[in-house]
Amino acid sequence: MIVAAQAVAIEMAMRGWLVPRVLEIAPRVGAIGAVIASGAAEAAITPGHLATRAGAFVLGVGGALLFLGAGRRLAAPIACRVTFELGAVLLAALRLV
């Protein structure tokens, strides 16, 4: 339950707040700038080495693309993040990773 709540919270912060603010503040950079900002913010808050942060950047970019592609609705990125996070917990619990 905590993992799902954390996934919803991070999506609401990154996609629900950050991406619209970047689009509002800097309309010239447009969607590309918002997508890159989302990936960079995701990488900045992720602890770990470079490969972990690169994966977080890709996850942030993908979530932003889903958010914009879904007409600025959070349902798609939240569903993907919850599935990803719960899958990671399940694999760790089964000692497969």
Protein backbone atom coordinates (compact mmCIF):
# COMPACT_ATOMS: atom_id res chain seq x y z
CA MET A 1 0.00 0.00 0.00
CA ILE A 2 2.86 2.38 0.82
CA VAL A 3 4.56 1.66 -2.51
CA ALA A 4 1.36 2.44 -4.41
CA ALA A 5 0.83 5.66 -2.44
CA GLN A 6 4.41 6.71 -3.10
CA ALA A 7 3.99 6.01 -6.81
CA VAL A 8 0.83 8.13 -6.96
CA ALA A 9 2.50 10.95 -5.04
CA ILE A 10 5.59 11.08 -7.25
CA GLU A 11 3.47 11.09 -10.40
CA MET A 12 1.29 13.87 -9.05
CA ALA A 13 4.39 15.92 -8.24
CA MET A 14 6.39 15.25 -11.40
CA ARG A 15 3.68 15.08 -14.01
CA GLY A 16 0.73 16.76 -12.33
CA TRP A 17 2.66 19.78 -11.12
CA LEU A 18 6.09 20.06 -12.79
CA VAL A 19 5.19 19.45 -16.43
CA PRO A 20 2.28 21.94 -16.53
CA ARG A 21 4.44 24.55 -14.75
CA VAL A 22 7.25 24.19 -17.29
CA LEU A 23 4.71 24.50 -20.12
CA GLU A 24 3.22 27.57 -18.45
CA ILE A 25 6.48 29.33 -17.55
CA ALA A 26 8.42 28.59 -20.72
CA PRO A 27 5.97 28.10 -23.60
CA ARG A 28 8.79 28.41 -26.15
CA VAL A 29 10.46 25.21 -25.01
CA GLY A 30 7.11 23.48 -25.29
CA ALA A 31 6.52 19.81 -24.73
CA ILE A 32 10.12 18.80 -25.42
CA GLY A 33 11.40 21.06 -22.64
CA ALA A 34 8.75 19.80 -20.23
CA VAL A 35 9.60 16.17 -21.03
CA ILE A 36 13.33 16.77 -20.51
CA ALA A 37 12.67 18.73 -17.29
CA SER A 38 10.57 15.86 -15.99
CA GLY A 39 13.32 13.35 -16.73
CA ALA A 40 15.98 15.59 -15.20
CA ALA A 41 13.96 16.12 -12.03
CA GLU A 42 13.36 12.39 -11.73
CA ALA A 43 17.08 11.71 -12.10
CA ALA A 44 17.95 14.44 -9.60
CA ILE A 45 15.83 12.99 -6.79
CA THR A 46 16.88 9.38 -7.40
CA PRO A 47 19.69 8.12 -5.19
CA GLY A 48 22.34 5.85 -6.63
CA HIS A 49 25.00 5.67 -9.27
CA LEU A 50 24.90 6.96 -12.84
CA ALA A 51 23.13 3.95 -14.36
CA THR A 52 20.34 4.21 -11.78
CA ARG A 53 19.93 7.89 -12.49
CA ALA A 54 19.92 7.27 -16.24
CA GLY A 55 17.12 4.75 -15.75
CA ALA A 56 15.21 7.29 -13.65
CA PHE A 57 15.68 9.87 -16.41
CA VAL A 58 14.17 7.47 -18.96
CA LEU A 59 11.31 6.67 -16.58
CA GLY A 60 10.65 10.39 -16.12
CA VAL A 61 10.69 11.04 -19.85
CA GLY A 62 8.32 8.13 -20.45
CA GLY A 63 5.95 9.31 -17.75
CA ALA A 64 5.90 12.82 -19.19
CA LEU A 65 5.22 11.50 -22.67
CA LEU A 66 2.35 9.40 -21.32
CA PHE A 67 0.99 12.40 -19.44
CA LEU A 68 1.04 14.65 -22.49
CA GLY A 69 -0.18 11.91 -24.83
CA ALA A 70 -3.15 11.20 -22.55
CA GLY A 71 -4.31 14.80 -22.78
CA ARG A 72 -2.68 15.90 -19.50
CA ARG A 73 -4.46 13.25 -17.46
CA LEU A 74 -2.55 11.44 -14.74
CA ALA A 75 -4.25 8.03 -15.00
CA ALA A 76 -1.83 6.51 -17.53
CA PRO A 77 1.46 7.54 -15.85
CA ILE A 78 0.09 6.60 -12.42
CA ALA A 79 -0.94 3.15 -13.67
CA CYS A 80 2.47 2.58 -15.24
CA ARG A 81 4.37 3.78 -12.17
CA VAL A 82 2.28 1.69 -9.75
CA THR A 83 2.73 -1.40 -11.93
CA PHE A 84 6.47 -0.82 -12.22
CA GLU A 85 6.99 -0.16 -8.50
CA LEU A 86 4.84 -3.09 -7.34
CA GLY A 87 6.57 -5.35 -9.86
CA ALA A 88 9.95 -4.34 -8.47
CA VAL A 89 8.79 -5.07 -4.92
CA LEU A 90 7.39 -8.44 -6.01
CA LEU A 91 10.63 -9.43 -7.77
CA ALA A 92 12.65 -8.39 -4.72
CA ALA A 93 10.32 -10.35 -2.41
CA LEU A 94 10.70 -13.45 -4.59
CA ARG A 95 14.48 -12.87 -4.55
CA LEU A 96 14.67 -12.80 -8.33
CA VAL A 97 16.67 -9.56 -8.32
